[in-house]
Amino acid sequence: MSTMICPVCKKEIPVDAEFCSSCGTRIVKQAYIYNQPQTEVRRGGCGFAIAGFILAIAAYSFFATAAVLTVILSILGIIFNAIGMSKRRRLYGLAIAGFVLSLIALLSSPFSFMLSCVNAAAGL
């Protein structure tokens, strides 16, 4: 006959017992489900990572011509990539890369402004 351990007094009792013979604790039978496939819960976030990365690349495309647009696109890229990183999905690495690129574009935007002023003064 198989036995189990009482959760209170730690004595061995029969598996089919309803009460512990040593301490009198009622034994609650628990049903366990084995070998059930885990269902994967999918959440969004990949779209934010992709959009944030595209915004980071777009910020660099306007680097020498429109400093204000570079700042706006960089800030939007940082926001979108932060949302993409918070979801922790497949494109987490893309979100990090876009976040870093957006941050570099934002920090270098004063140089973009100076470059656009120089180009405007030179008539380019």
PDB file of N, CA and C in Angstrom:
ATOM      1  N   MET A   1       0.846  -1.177   0.000  1.00  0.00           N
ATOM      2  CA  MET A   1       0.000   0.000   0.000  1.00  0.00           C
ATOM      3  C   MET A   1       0.895   1.245   0.000  1.00  0.00           C
ATOM      4  N   SER A   2       0.540   2.225  -0.836  1.00  0.00           N
ATOM      5  CA  SER A   2       1.350   3.431  -0.914  1.00  0.00           C
ATOM      6  C   SER A   2       0.964   4.397   0.203  1.00  0.00           C
ATOM      7  N   THR A   3       1.939   5.199   0.554  1.00  0.00           N
ATOM      8  CA  THR A   3       1.726   6.148   1.647  1.00  0.00           C
ATOM      9  C   THR A   3       2.083   7.552   1.188  1.00  0.00           C
ATOM     10  N   MET A   4       1.666   8.508   1.987  1.00  0.00           N
ATOM     11  CA  MET A   4       2.043   9.911   1.767  1.00  0.00           C
ATOM     12  C   MET A   4       2.375  10.511   3.122  1.00  0.00           C
ATOM     13  N   ILE A   5       2.866  11.721   3.110  1.00  0.00           N
ATOM     14  CA  ILE A   5       3.286  12.396   4.329  1.00  0.00           C
ATOM     15  C   ILE A   5       2.231  13.414   4.727  1.00  0.00           C
ATOM     16  N   CYS A   6       1.877  13.438   5.999  1.00  0.00           N
ATOM     17  CA  CYS A   6       0.934  14.432   6.511  1.00  0.00           C
ATOM     18  C   CYS A   6       1.595  15.809   6.443  1.00  0.00           C
ATOM     19  N   PRO A   7       0.913  16.830   5.913  1.00  0.00           N
ATOM     20  CA  PRO A   7       1.533  18.150   5.804  1.00  0.00           C
ATOM     21  C   PRO A   7       1.743  18.841   7.147  1.00  0.00           C
ATOM     22  N   VAL A   8       1.081  18.380   8.199  1.00  0.00           N
ATOM     23  CA  VAL A   8       1.206  19.036   9.505  1.00  0.00           C
ATOM     24  C   VAL A   8       2.246  18.347  10.382  1.00  0.00           C
ATOM     25  N   CYS A   9       2.037  17.041  10.635  1.00  0.00           N
ATOM     26  CA  CYS A   9       2.927  16.351  11.583  1.00  0.00           C
ATOM     27  C   CYS A   9       4.040  15.556  10.915  1.00  0.00           C
ATOM     28  N   LYS A  10       4.013  15.455   9.598  1.00  0.00           N
ATOM     29  CA  LYS A  10       5.048  14.784   8.803  1.00  0.00           C
ATOM     30  C   LYS A  10       5.122  13.277   9.033  1.00  0.00           C
ATOM     31  N   LYS A  11       4.043  12.658   9.492  1.00  0.00           N
ATOM     32  CA  LYS A  11       3.991  11.202   9.669  1.00  0.00           C
ATOM     33  C   LYS A  11       3.451  10.562   8.399  1.00  0.00           C
ATOM     34  N   GLU A  12       3.821   9.308   8.171  1.00  0.00           N
ATOM     35  CA  GLU A  12       3.328   8.580   7.007  1.00  0.00           C
ATOM     36  C   GLU A  12       1.896   8.123   7.262  1.00  0.00           C
ATOM     37  N   ILE A  13       1.059   8.348   6.250  1.00  0.00           N
ATOM     38  CA  ILE A  13      -0.333   7.909   6.331  1.00  0.00           C
ATOM     39  C   ILE A  13      -0.702   7.268   4.999  1.00  0.00           C
ATOM     40  N   PRO A  14      -1.734   6.435   4.976  1.00  0.00           N
ATOM     41  CA  PRO A  14      -2.149   5.825   3.709  1.00  0.00           C
ATOM     42  C   PRO A  14      -2.659   6.894   2.726  1.00  0.00           C
ATOM     43  N   VAL A  15      -2.504   6.632   1.457  1.00  0.00           N
ATOM     44  CA  VAL A  15      -2.896   7.580   0.418  1.00  0.00           C
ATOM     45  C   VAL A  15      -4.397   7.828   0.432  1.00  0.00           C
ATOM     46  N   ASP A  16      -5.181   6.827   0.732  1.00  0.00           N
ATOM     47  CA  ASP A  16      -6.628   6.987   0.697  1.00  0.00           C
ATOM     48  C   ASP A  16      -7.219   7.511   2.012  1.00  0.00           C
ATOM     49  N   ALA A  17      -6.386   7.893   2.974  1.00  0.00           N
ATOM     50  CA  ALA A  17      -6.874   8.392   4.262  1.00  0.00           C
ATOM     51  C   ALA A  17      -7.476   9.781   4.100  1.00  0.00           C
ATOM     52  N   GLU A  18      -8.555  10.027   4.819  1.00  0.00           N
ATOM     53  CA  GLU A  18      -9.177  11.350   4.802  1.00  0.00           C
ATOM     54  C   GLU A  18      -8.686  12.199   5.955  1.00  0.00           C
ATOM     55  N   PHE A  19      -8.222  11.554   7.036  1.00  0.00           N
ATOM     56  CA  PHE A  19      -7.687  12.263   8.198  1.00  0.00           C
ATOM     57  C   PHE A  19      -6.363  11.617   8.578  1.00  0.00           C
ATOM     58  N   CYS A  20      -5.457  12.400   9.158  1.00  0.00           N
ATOM     59  CA  CYS A  20      -4.189  11.867   9.637  1.00  0.00           C
ATOM     60  C   CYS A  20      -4.458  11.066  10.912  1.00  0.00           C
ATOM     61  N   SER A  21      -3.924   9.851  10.973  1.00  0.00           N
ATOM     62  CA  SER A  21      -4.138   9.008  12.150  1.00  0.00           C
ATOM     63  C   SER A  21      -3.326   9.488  13.344  1.00  0.00           C
ATOM     64  N   SER A  22      -2.328  10.348  13.110  1.00  0.00           N
ATOM     65  CA  SER A  22      -1.490  10.820  14.202  1.00  0.00           C
ATOM     66  C   SER A  22      -1.995  12.129  14.809  1.00  0.00           C
ATOM     67  N   CYS A  23      -2.274  13.134  13.950  1.00  0.00           N
ATOM     68  CA  CYS A  23      -2.668  14.446  14.478  1.00  0.00           C
ATOM     69  C   CYS A  23      -4.122  14.802  14.215  1.00  0.00           C
ATOM     70  N   GLY A  24      -4.817  14.045  13.380  1.00  0.00           N
ATOM     71  CA  GLY A  24      -6.226  14.285  13.110  1.00  0.00           C
ATOM     72  C   GLY A  24      -6.504  15.332  12.039  1.00  0.00           C
ATOM     73  N   THR A  25      -5.484  15.827  11.354  1.00  0.00           N
ATOM     74  CA  THR A  25      -5.659  16.837  10.311  1.00  0.00           C
ATOM     75  C   THR A  25      -6.397  16.237   9.129  1.00  0.00           C
ATOM     76  N   ARG A  26      -7.362  16.991   8.619  1.00  0.00           N
ATOM     77  CA  ARG A  26      -8.083  16.529   7.438  1.00  0.00           C
ATOM     78  C   ARG A  26      -7.160  16.629   6.232  1.00  0.00           C
ATOM     79  N   ILE A  27      -7.095  15.589   5.459  1.00  0.00           N
ATOM     80  CA  ILE A  27      -6.222  15.533   4.286  1.00  0.00           C
ATOM     81  C   ILE A  27      -7.036  15.953   3.069  1.00  0.00           C
ATOM     82  N   VAL A  28      -6.596  17.007   2.413  1.00  0.00           N
ATOM     83  CA  VAL A  28      -7.262  17.510   1.215  1.00  0.00           C
ATOM     84  C   VAL A  28      -6.551  16.934   0.006  1.00  0.00           C
ATOM     85  N   LYS A  29      -7.311  16.246  -0.795  1.00  0.00           N
ATOM     86  CA  LYS A  29      -6.735  15.659  -2.012  1.00  0.00           C
ATOM     87  C   LYS A  29      -6.665  16.731  -3.090  1.00  0.00           C
ATOM     88  N   GLN A  30      -5.527  16.815  -3.715  1.00  0.00           N
ATOM     89  CA  GLN A  30      -5.343  17.781  -4.792  1.00  0.00           C
ATOM     90  C   GLN A  30      -5.194  17.032  -6.102  1.00  0.00           C
ATOM     91  N   ALA A  31      -5.859  17.545  -7.087  1.00  0.00           N
ATOM     92  CA  ALA A  31      -5.750  16.951  -8.418  1.00  0.00           C
ATOM     93  C   ALA A  31      -4.630  17.642  -9.173  1.00  0.00           C
ATOM     94  N   TYR A  32      -3.735  16.867  -9.710  1.00  0.00           N
ATOM     95  CA  TYR A  32      -2.630  17.410 -10.480  1.00  0.00           C
ATOM     96  C   TYR A  32      -2.823  17.050 -11.945  1.00  0.00           C
ATOM     97  N   ILE A  33      -2.514  17.968 -12.802  1.00  0.00           N
ATOM     98  CA  ILE A  33      -2.609  17.729 -14.239  1.00  0.00           C
ATOM     99  C   ILE A  33      -1.187  17.689 -14.779  1.00  0.00           C
ATOM    100  N   TYR A  34      -0.846  16.567 -15.354  1.00  0.00           N
ATOM    101  CA  TYR A  34       0.496  16.389 -15.886  1.00  0.00           C
ATOM    102  C   TYR A  34       0.456  16.402 -17.414  1.00  0.00           C
ATOM    103  N   ASN A  35       1.582  16.762 -17.999  1.00  0.00           N
ATOM    104  CA  ASN A  35       1.795  16.712 -19.441  1.00  0.00           C
ATOM    105  C   ASN A  35       0.777  17.516 -20.244  1.00  0.00           C
ATOM    106  N   GLN A  36       0.326  18.613 -19.700  1.00  0.00           N
ATOM    107  CA  GLN A  36      -0.549  19.502 -20.445  1.00  0.00           C
ATOM    108  C   GLN A  36       0.321  20.503 -21.201  1.00  0.00           C
ATOM    109  N   PRO A  37       0.086  20.685 -22.478  1.00  0.00           N
ATOM    110  CA  PRO A  37       0.913  21.642 -23.230  1.00  0.00           C
ATOM    111  C   PRO A  37       0.655  23.063 -22.750  1.00  0.00           C
ATOM    112  N   GLN A  38       1.730  23.804 -22.651  1.00  0.00           N
ATOM    113  CA  GLN A  38       1.639  25.207 -22.245  1.00  0.00           C
ATOM    114  C   GLN A  38       1.200  26.038 -23.439  1.00  0.00           C
ATOM    115  N   THR A  39       0.198  26.845 -23.238  1.00  0.00           N
ATOM    116  CA  THR A  39      -0.234  27.736 -24.302  1.00  0.00           C
ATOM    117  C   THR A  39       0.555  29.032 -24.203  1.00  0.00           C
ATOM    118  N   GLU A  40       1.033  29.486 -25.326  1.00  0.00           N
ATOM    119  CA  GLU A  40       1.841  30.696 -25.354  1.00  0.00           C
ATOM    120  C   GLU A  40       0.934  31.919 -25.473  1.00  0.00           C
ATOM    121  N   VAL A  41       1.126  32.845 -24.559  1.00  0.00           N
ATOM    122  CA  VAL A  41       0.363  34.084 -24.593  1.00  0.00           C
ATOM    123  C   VAL A  41       1.168  35.085 -25.400  1.00  0.00           C
ATOM    124  N   ARG A  42       0.587  35.541 -26.490  1.00  0.00           N
ATOM    125  CA  ARG A  42       1.287  36.483 -27.362  1.00  0.00           C
ATOM    126  C   ARG A  42       0.748  37.869 -27.111  1.00  0.00           C
ATOM    127  N   ARG A  43       1.648  38.773 -26.920  1.00  0.00           N
ATOM    128  CA  ARG A  43       1.278  40.168 -26.734  1.00  0.00           C
ATOM    129  C   ARG A  43       1.966  40.987 -27.800  1.00  0.00           C
ATOM    130  N   GLY A  44       1.417  42.156 -28.030  1.00  0.00           N
ATOM    131  CA  GLY A  44       2.005  43.051 -29.017  1.00  0.00           C
ATOM    132  C   GLY A  44       3.331  43.603 -28.540  1.00  0.00           C
ATOM    133  N   GLY A  45       3.916  44.426 -29.331  1.00  0.00           N
ATOM    134  CA  GLY A  45       5.183  45.039 -28.965  1.00  0.00           C
ATOM    135  C   GLY A  45       6.174  45.002 -30.110  1.00  0.00           C
ATOM    136  N   CYS A  46       6.003  44.038 -31.005  1.00  0.00           N
ATOM    137  CA  CYS A  46       6.921  43.939 -32.136  1.00  0.00           C
ATOM    138  C   CYS A  46       6.744  45.129 -33.070  1.00  0.00           C
ATOM    139  N   GLY A  47       5.527  45.582 -33.224  1.00  0.00           N
ATOM    140  CA  GLY A  47       5.268  46.738 -34.078  1.00  0.00           C
ATOM    141  C   GLY A  47       5.924  47.996 -33.549  1.00  0.00           C
ATOM    142  N   PHE A  48       5.933  48.157 -32.232  1.00  0.00           N
ATOM    143  CA  PHE A  48       6.583  49.323 -31.640  1.00  0.00           C
ATOM    144  C   PHE A  48       8.087  49.281 -31.860  1.00  0.00           C
ATOM    145  N   ALA A  49       8.685  48.097 -31.756  1.00  0.00           N
ATOM    146  CA  ALA A  49      10.127  47.970 -31.974  1.00  0.00           C
ATOM    147  C   ALA A  49      10.493  48.300 -33.416  1.00  0.00           C
ATOM    148  N   ILE A  50       9.698  47.805 -34.357  1.00  0.00           N
ATOM    149  CA  ILE A  50       9.969  48.071 -35.772  1.00  0.00           C
ATOM    150  C   ILE A  50       9.783  49.552 -36.079  1.00  0.00           C
ATOM    151  N   ALA A  51       8.674  50.136 -35.594  1.00  0.00           N
ATOM    152  CA  ALA A  51       8.407  51.554 -35.853  1.00  0.00           C
ATOM    153  C   ALA A  51       9.470  52.436 -35.210  1.00  0.00           C
ATOM    154  N   GLY A  52       9.904  52.084 -34.008  1.00  0.00           N
ATOM    155  CA  GLY A  52      10.950  52.860 -33.341  1.00  0.00           C
ATOM    156  C   GLY A  52      12.269  52.816 -34.078  1.00  0.00           C
ATOM    157  N   PHE A  53      12.606  51.645 -34.615  1.00  0.00           N
ATOM    158  CA  PHE A  53      13.848  51.528 -35.381  1.00  0.00           C
ATOM    159  C   PHE A  53      13.768  52.339 -36.666  1.00  0.00           C
ATOM    160  N   ILE A  54      12.627  52.302 -37.334  1.00  0.00           N
ATOM    161  CA  ILE A  54      12.450  53.093 -38.556  1.00  0.00           C
ATOM    162  C   ILE A  54      12.528  54.584 -38.247  1.00  0.00           C
ATOM    163  N   LEU A  55      11.951  55.004 -37.121  1.00  0.00           N
ATOM    164  CA  LEU A  55      12.037  56.416 -36.723  1.00  0.00           C
ATOM    165  C   LEU A  55      13.480  56.822 -36.442  1.00  0.00           C
ATOM    166  N   ALA A  56      14.256  55.914 -35.852  1.00  0.00           N
ATOM    167  CA  ALA A  56      15.669  56.214 -35.589  1.00  0.00           C
ATOM    168  C   ALA A  56      16.443  56.393 -36.889  1.00  0.00           C
ATOM    169  N   ILE A  57      16.182  55.547 -37.876  1.00  0.00           N
ATOM    170  CA  ILE A  57      16.846  55.675 -39.181  1.00  0.00           C
ATOM    171  C   ILE A  57      16.381  56.956 -39.881  1.00  0.00           C
ATOM    172  N   ALA A  58      15.099  57.271 -39.768  1.00  0.00           N
ATOM    173  CA  ALA A  58      14.576  58.493 -40.389  1.00  0.00           C
ATOM    174  C   ALA A  58      15.189  59.738 -39.753  1.00  0.00           C
ATOM    175  N   ALA A  59      15.478  59.684 -38.456  1.00  0.00           N
ATOM    176  CA  ALA A  59      16.112  60.830 -37.796  1.00  0.00           C
ATOM    177  C   ALA A  59      17.481  61.109 -38.413  1.00  0.00           C
ATOM    178  N   TYR A  60      18.203  60.055 -38.769  1.00  0.00           N
ATOM    179  CA  TYR A  60      19.498  60.255 -39.412  1.00  0.00           C
ATOM    180  C   TYR A  60      19.362  60.730 -40.852  1.00  0.00           C
ATOM    181  N   SER A  61      18.272  60.420 -41.516  1.00  0.00           N
ATOM    182  CA  SER A  61      18.129  60.856 -42.907  1.00  0.00           C
ATOM    183  C   SER A  61      17.897  62.362 -43.002  1.00  0.00           C
ATOM    184  N   PHE A  62      17.351  62.969 -41.951  1.00  0.00           N
ATOM    185  CA  PHE A  62      17.148  64.423 -41.938  1.00  0.00           C
ATOM    186  C   PHE A  62      18.220  65.141 -41.124  1.00  0.00           C
ATOM    187  N   PHE A  63      19.321  64.479 -40.841  1.00  0.00           N
ATOM    188  CA  PHE A  63      20.333  65.020 -39.936  1.00  0.00           C
ATOM    189  C   PHE A  63      20.899  66.350 -40.416  1.00  0.00           C
ATOM    190  N   ALA A  64      21.284  66.464 -41.673  1.00  0.00           N
ATOM    191  CA  ALA A  64      21.948  67.669 -42.162  1.00  0.00           C
ATOM    192  C   ALA A  64      20.975  68.721 -42.667  1.00  0.00           C
ATOM    193  N   THR A  65      19.731  68.375 -42.887  1.00  0.00           N
ATOM    194  CA  THR A  65      18.807  69.329 -43.506  1.00  0.00           C
ATOM    195  C   THR A  65      17.809  69.931 -42.535  1.00  0.00           C
ATOM    196  N   ALA A  66      17.260  69.161 -41.615  1.00  0.00           N
ATOM    197  CA  ALA A  66      16.217  69.664 -40.720  1.00  0.00           C
ATOM    198  C   ALA A  66      16.500  69.204 -39.293  1.00  0.00           C
ATOM    199  N   ALA A  67      17.104  70.104 -38.493  1.00  0.00           N
ATOM    200  CA  ALA A  67      17.471  69.752 -37.121  1.00  0.00           C
ATOM    201  C   ALA A  67      16.248  69.520 -36.249  1.00  0.00           C
ATOM    202  N   VAL A  68      15.199  70.303 -36.460  1.00  0.00           N
ATOM    203  CA  VAL A  68      13.989  70.148 -35.645  1.00  0.00           C
ATOM    204  C   VAL A  68      13.338  68.798 -35.927  1.00  0.00           C
ATOM    205  N   LEU A  69      13.301  68.407 -37.183  1.00  0.00           N
ATOM    206  CA  LEU A  69      12.734  67.109 -37.540  1.00  0.00           C
ATOM    207  C   LEU A  69      13.572  65.968 -36.964  1.00  0.00           C
ATOM    208  N   THR A  70      14.883  66.149 -36.906  1.00  0.00           N
ATOM    209  CA  THR A  70      15.757  65.148 -36.295  1.00  0.00           C
ATOM    210  C   THR A  70      15.416  64.965 -34.827  1.00  0.00           C
ATOM    211  N   VAL A  71      15.191  66.073 -34.116  1.00  0.00           N
ATOM    212  CA  VAL A  71      14.852  66.004 -32.693  1.00  0.00           C
ATOM    213  C   VAL A  71      13.497  65.314 -32.499  1.00  0.00           C
ATOM    214  N   ILE A  72      12.513  65.690 -33.290  1.00  0.00           N
ATOM    215  CA  ILE A  72      11.173  65.114 -33.157  1.00  0.00           C
ATOM    216  C   ILE A  72      11.193  63.615 -33.440  1.00  0.00           C
ATOM    217  N   LEU A  73      11.848  63.227 -34.522  1.00  0.00           N
ATOM    218  CA  LEU A  73      11.912  61.807 -34.874  1.00  0.00           C
ATOM    219  C   LEU A  73      12.710  61.016 -33.835  1.00  0.00           C
ATOM    220  N   SER A  74      13.742  61.627 -33.275  1.00  0.00           N
ATOM    221  CA  SER A  74      14.539  60.944 -32.247  1.00  0.00           C
ATOM    222  C   SER A  74      13.721  60.701 -30.992  1.00  0.00           C
ATOM    223  N   ILE A  75      12.970  61.712 -30.570  1.00  0.00           N
ATOM    224  CA  ILE A  75      12.139  61.558 -29.368  1.00  0.00           C
ATOM    225  C   ILE A  75      11.061  60.501 -29.594  1.00  0.00           C
ATOM    226  N   LEU A  76      10.415  60.537 -30.756  1.00  0.00           N
ATOM    227  CA  LEU A  76       9.413  59.511 -31.066  1.00  0.00           C
ATOM    228  C   LEU A  76      10.051  58.120 -31.128  1.00  0.00           C
ATOM    229  N   GLY A  77      11.257  58.043 -31.686  1.00  0.00           N
ATOM    230  CA  GLY A  77      11.963  56.762 -31.740  1.00  0.00           C
ATOM    231  C   GLY A  77      12.282  56.230 -30.357  1.00  0.00           C
ATOM    232  N   ILE A  78      12.694  57.108 -29.445  1.00  0.00           N
ATOM    233  CA  ILE A  78      12.982  56.690 -28.069  1.00  0.00           C
ATOM    234  C   ILE A  78      11.715  56.162 -27.402  1.00  0.00           C
ATOM    235  N   ILE A  79      10.598  56.865 -27.587  1.00  0.00           N
ATOM    236  CA  ILE A  79       9.337  56.435 -26.964  1.00  0.00           C
ATOM    237  C   ILE A  79       8.889  55.085 -27.522  1.00  0.00           C
ATOM    238  N   PHE A  80       8.879  54.949 -28.838  1.00  0.00           N
ATOM    239  CA  PHE A  80       8.414  53.697 -29.448  1.00  0.00           C
ATOM    240  C   PHE A  80       9.322  52.529 -29.077  1.00  0.00           C
ATOM    241  N   ASN A  81      10.637  52.765 -29.064  1.00  0.00           N
ATOM    242  CA  ASN A  81      11.550  51.679 -28.719  1.00  0.00           C
ATOM    243  C   ASN A  81      11.455  51.315 -27.245  1.00  0.00           C
ATOM    244  N   ALA A  82      11.188  52.280 -26.380  1.00  0.00           N
ATOM    245  CA  ALA A  82      11.001  51.967 -24.964  1.00  0.00           C
ATOM    246  C   ALA A  82       9.768  51.091 -24.767  1.00  0.00           C
ATOM    247  N   ILE A  83       8.700  51.381 -25.504  1.00  0.00           N
ATOM    248  CA  ILE A  83       7.508  50.533 -25.426  1.00  0.00           C
ATOM    249  C   ILE A  83       7.823  49.141 -25.981  1.00  0.00           C
ATOM    250  N   GLY A  84       8.564  49.089 -27.077  1.00  0.00           N
ATOM    251  CA  GLY A  84       8.943  47.796 -27.652  1.00  0.00           C
ATOM    252  C   GLY A  84       9.827  46.979 -26.724  1.00  0.00           C
ATOM    253  N   MET A  85      10.686  47.638 -25.958  1.00  0.00           N
ATOM    254  CA  MET A  85      11.537  46.919 -25.001  1.00  0.00           C
ATOM    255  C   MET A  85      10.744  46.441 -23.796  1.00  0.00           C
ATOM    256  N   SER A  86       9.699  47.177 -23.418  1.00  0.00           N
ATOM    257  CA  SER A  86       8.937  46.779 -22.233  1.00  0.00           C
ATOM    258  C   SER A  86       8.107  45.532 -22.476  1.00  0.00           C
ATOM    259  N   LYS A  87       7.821  45.203 -23.731  1.00  0.00           N
ATOM    260  CA  LYS A  87       7.012  44.027 -24.044  1.00  0.00           C
ATOM    261  C   LYS A  87       7.825  42.738 -24.014  1.00  0.00           C
ATOM    262  N   ARG A  88       9.132  42.818 -24.109  1.00  0.00           N
ATOM    263  CA  ARG A  88      10.026  41.663 -24.054  1.00  0.00           C
ATOM    264  C   ARG A  88       9.625  40.553 -25.016  1.00  0.00           C
ATOM    265  N   ARG A  89       9.595  40.875 -26.257  1.00  0.00           N
ATOM    266  CA  ARG A  89       9.226  39.905 -27.281  1.00  0.00           C
ATOM    267  C   ARG A  89      10.415  39.599 -28.169  1.00  0.00           C
ATOM    268  N   ARG A  90      10.144  38.982 -29.321  1.00  0.00           N
ATOM    269  CA  ARG A  90      11.218  38.530 -30.198  1.00  0.00           C
ATOM    270  C   ARG A  90      12.112  39.644 -30.678  1.00  0.00           C
ATOM    271  N   LEU A  91      11.572  40.820 -30.911  1.00  0.00           N
ATOM    272  CA  LEU A  91      12.367  41.910 -31.485  1.00  0.00           C
ATOM    273  C   LEU A  91      12.946  42.827 -30.405  1.00  0.00           C
ATOM    274  N   TYR A  92      13.266  42.263 -29.263  1.00  0.00           N
ATOM    275  CA  TYR A  92      13.838  43.036 -28.161  1.00  0.00           C
ATOM    276  C   TYR A  92      15.170  43.650 -28.571  1.00  0.00           C
ATOM    277  N   GLY A  93      15.984  42.913 -29.306  1.00  0.00           N
ATOM    278  CA  GLY A  93      17.281  43.427 -29.758  1.00  0.00           C
ATOM    279  C   GLY A  93      17.120  44.579 -30.738  1.00  0.00           C
ATOM    280  N   LEU A  94      16.136  44.496 -31.607  1.00  0.00           N
ATOM    281  CA  LEU A  94      15.864  45.585 -32.548  1.00  0.00           C
ATOM    282  C   LEU A  94      15.422  46.837 -31.802  1.00  0.00           C
ATOM    283  N   ALA A  95      14.623  46.653 -30.745  1.00  0.00           N
ATOM    284  CA  ALA A  95      14.178  47.786 -29.946  1.00  0.00           C
ATOM    285  C   ALA A  95      15.356  48.449 -29.238  1.00  0.00           C
ATOM    286  N   ILE A  96      16.295  47.656 -28.744  1.00  0.00           N
ATOM    287  CA  ILE A  96      17.486  48.223 -28.096  1.00  0.00           C
ATOM    288  C   ILE A  96      18.329  48.985 -29.105  1.00  0.00           C
ATOM    289  N   ALA A  97      18.517  48.402 -30.287  1.00  0.00           N
ATOM    290  CA  ALA A  97      19.307  49.077 -31.322  1.00  0.00           C
ATOM    291  C   ALA A  97      18.647  50.386 -31.738  1.00  0.00           C
ATOM    292  N   GLY A  98      17.342  50.378 -31.929  1.00  0.00           N
ATOM    293  CA  GLY A  98      16.633  51.598 -32.290  1.00  0.00           C
ATOM    294  C   GLY A  98      16.690  52.637 -31.189  1.00  0.00           C
ATOM    295  N   PHE A  99      16.617  52.183 -29.920  1.00  0.00           N
ATOM    296  CA  PHE A  99      16.701  53.101 -28.789  1.00  0.00           C
ATOM    297  C   PHE A  99      18.062  53.792 -28.755  1.00  0.00           C
ATOM    298  N   VAL A 100      19.116  53.006 -28.948  1.00  0.00           N
ATOM    299  CA  VAL A 100      20.470  53.580 -28.935  1.00  0.00           C
ATOM    300  C   VAL A 100      20.655  54.539 -30.103  1.00  0.00           C
ATOM    301  N   LEU A 101      20.201  54.162 -31.300  1.00  0.00           N
ATOM    302  CA  LEU A 101      20.329  55.048 -32.458  1.00  0.00           C
ATOM    303  C   LEU A 101      19.536  56.344 -32.261  1.00  0.00           C
ATOM    304  N   SER A 102      18.337  56.239 -31.698  1.00  0.00           N
ATOM    305  CA  SER A 102      17.535  57.438 -31.442  1.00  0.00           C
ATOM    306  C   SER A 102      18.203  58.335 -30.413  1.00  0.00           C
ATOM    307  N   LEU A 103      18.774  57.722 -29.395  1.00  0.00           N
ATOM    308  CA  LEU A 103      19.453  58.500 -28.358  1.00  0.00           C
ATOM    309  C   LEU A 103      20.687  59.208 -28.917  1.00  0.00           C
ATOM    310  N   ILE A 104      21.440  58.531 -29.758  1.00  0.00           N
ATOM    311  CA  ILE A 104      22.616  59.161 -30.380  1.00  0.00           C
ATOM    312  C   ILE A 104      22.184  60.297 -31.302  1.00  0.00           C
ATOM    313  N   ALA A 105      21.116  60.083 -32.051  1.00  0.00           N
ATOM    314  CA  ALA A 105      20.621  61.146 -32.936  1.00  0.00           C
ATOM    315  C   ALA A 105      20.148  62.350 -32.132  1.00  0.00           C
ATOM    316  N   LEU A 106      19.501  62.102 -30.998  1.00  0.00           N
ATOM    317  CA  LEU A 106      19.029  63.199 -30.165  1.00  0.00           C
ATOM    318  C   LEU A 106      20.192  63.961 -29.536  1.00  0.00           C
ATOM    319  N   LEU A 107      21.188  63.227 -29.067  1.00  0.00           N
ATOM    320  CA  LEU A 107      22.341  63.889 -28.439  1.00  0.00           C
ATOM    321  C   LEU A 107      23.211  64.631 -29.448  1.00  0.00           C
ATOM    322  N   SER A 108      23.189  64.191 -30.691  1.00  0.00           N
ATOM    323  CA  SER A 108      23.985  64.872 -31.717  1.00  0.00           C
ATOM    324  C   SER A 108      23.171  65.901 -32.489  1.00  0.00           C
ATOM    325  N   SER A 109      21.941  66.159 -32.088  1.00  0.00           N
ATOM    326  CA  SER A 109      21.107  67.132 -32.803  1.00  0.00           C
ATOM    327  C   SER A 109      21.648  68.558 -32.743  1.00  0.00           C
ATOM    328  N   PRO A 110      22.366  68.989 -31.677  1.00  0.00           N
ATOM    329  CA  PRO A 110      22.978  70.326 -31.764  1.00  0.00           C
ATOM    330  C   PRO A 110      23.975  70.444 -32.922  1.00  0.00           C
ATOM    331  N   PHE A 111      24.693  69.364 -33.192  1.00  0.00           N
ATOM    332  CA  PHE A 111      25.605  69.377 -34.335  1.00  0.00           C
ATOM    333  C   PHE A 111      24.828  69.431 -35.645  1.00  0.00           C
ATOM    334  N   SER A 112      23.669  68.779 -35.663  1.00  0.00           N
ATOM    335  CA  SER A 112      22.803  68.853 -36.828  1.00  0.00           C
ATOM    336  C   SER A 112      22.340  70.279 -37.058  1.00  0.00           C
ATOM    337  N   PHE A 113      21.987  70.962 -35.988  1.00  0.00           N
ATOM    338  CA  PHE A 113      21.557  72.353 -36.110  1.00  0.00           C
ATOM    339  C   PHE A 113      22.683  73.232 -36.632  1.00  0.00           C
ATOM    340  N   MET A 114      23.894  73.036 -36.113  1.00  0.00           N
ATOM    341  CA  MET A 114      25.035  73.821 -36.594  1.00  0.00           C
ATOM    342  C   MET A 114      25.320  73.519 -38.055  1.00  0.00           C
ATOM    343  N   LEU A 115      25.214  72.253 -38.445  1.00  0.00           N
ATOM    344  CA  LEU A 115      25.458  71.874 -39.830  1.00  0.00           C
ATOM    345  C   LEU A 115      24.423  72.480 -40.767  1.00  0.00           C
ATOM    346  N   SER A 116      23.162  72.519 -40.340  1.00  0.00           N
ATOM    347  CA  SER A 116      22.124  73.126 -41.181  1.00  0.00           C
ATOM    348  C   SER A 116      22.316  74.639 -41.278  1.00  0.00           C
ATOM    349  N   CYS A 117      22.813  75.276 -40.216  1.00  0.00           N
ATOM    350  CA  CYS A 117      23.111  76.724 -40.266  1.00  0.00           C
ATOM    351  C   CYS A 117      24.268  77.005 -41.221  1.00  0.00           C
ATOM    352  N   VAL A 118      25.288  76.176 -41.181  1.00  0.00           N
ATOM    353  CA  VAL A 118      26.432  76.346 -42.065  1.00  0.00           C
ATOM    354  C   VAL A 118      26.001  76.152 -43.518  1.00  0.00           C
ATOM    355  N   ASN A 119      25.178  75.134 -43.772  1.00  0.00           N
ATOM    356  CA  ASN A 119      24.693  74.894 -45.129  1.00  0.00           C
ATOM    357  C   ASN A 119      23.821  76.043 -45.625  1.00  0.00           C
ATOM    358  N   ALA A 120      22.990  76.613 -44.731  1.00  0.00           N
ATOM    359  CA  ALA A 120      22.156  77.731 -45.123  1.00  0.00           C
ATOM    360  C   ALA A 120      22.991  78.973 -45.395  1.00  0.00           C
ATOM    361  N   ALA A 121      24.043  79.190 -44.608  1.00  0.00           N
ATOM    362  CA  ALA A 121      24.908  80.352 -44.811  1.00  0.00           C
ATOM    363  C   ALA A 121      25.719  80.213 -46.097  1.00  0.00           C
ATOM    364  N   ALA A 122      26.088  79.010 -46.424  1.00  0.00           N
ATOM    365  CA  ALA A 122      26.890  78.785 -47.633  1.00  0.00           C
ATOM    366  C   ALA A 122      26.009  78.738 -48.876  1.00  0.00           C
ATOM    367  N   GLY A 123      24.698  78.692 -48.684  1.00  0.00           N
ATOM    368  CA  GLY A 123      23.796  78.656 -49.829  1.00  0.00           C
ATOM    369  C   GLY A 123      23.656  77.280 -50.449  1.00  0.00           C
ATOM    370  N   LEU A 124      23.914  76.251 -49.669  1.00  0.00           N
ATOM    371  CA  LEU A 124      23.821  74.874 -50.196  1.00  0.00           C
ATOM    372  C   LEU A 124      22.449  74.358 -50.045  1.00  0.00           C
TER     373      LEU A 124
END
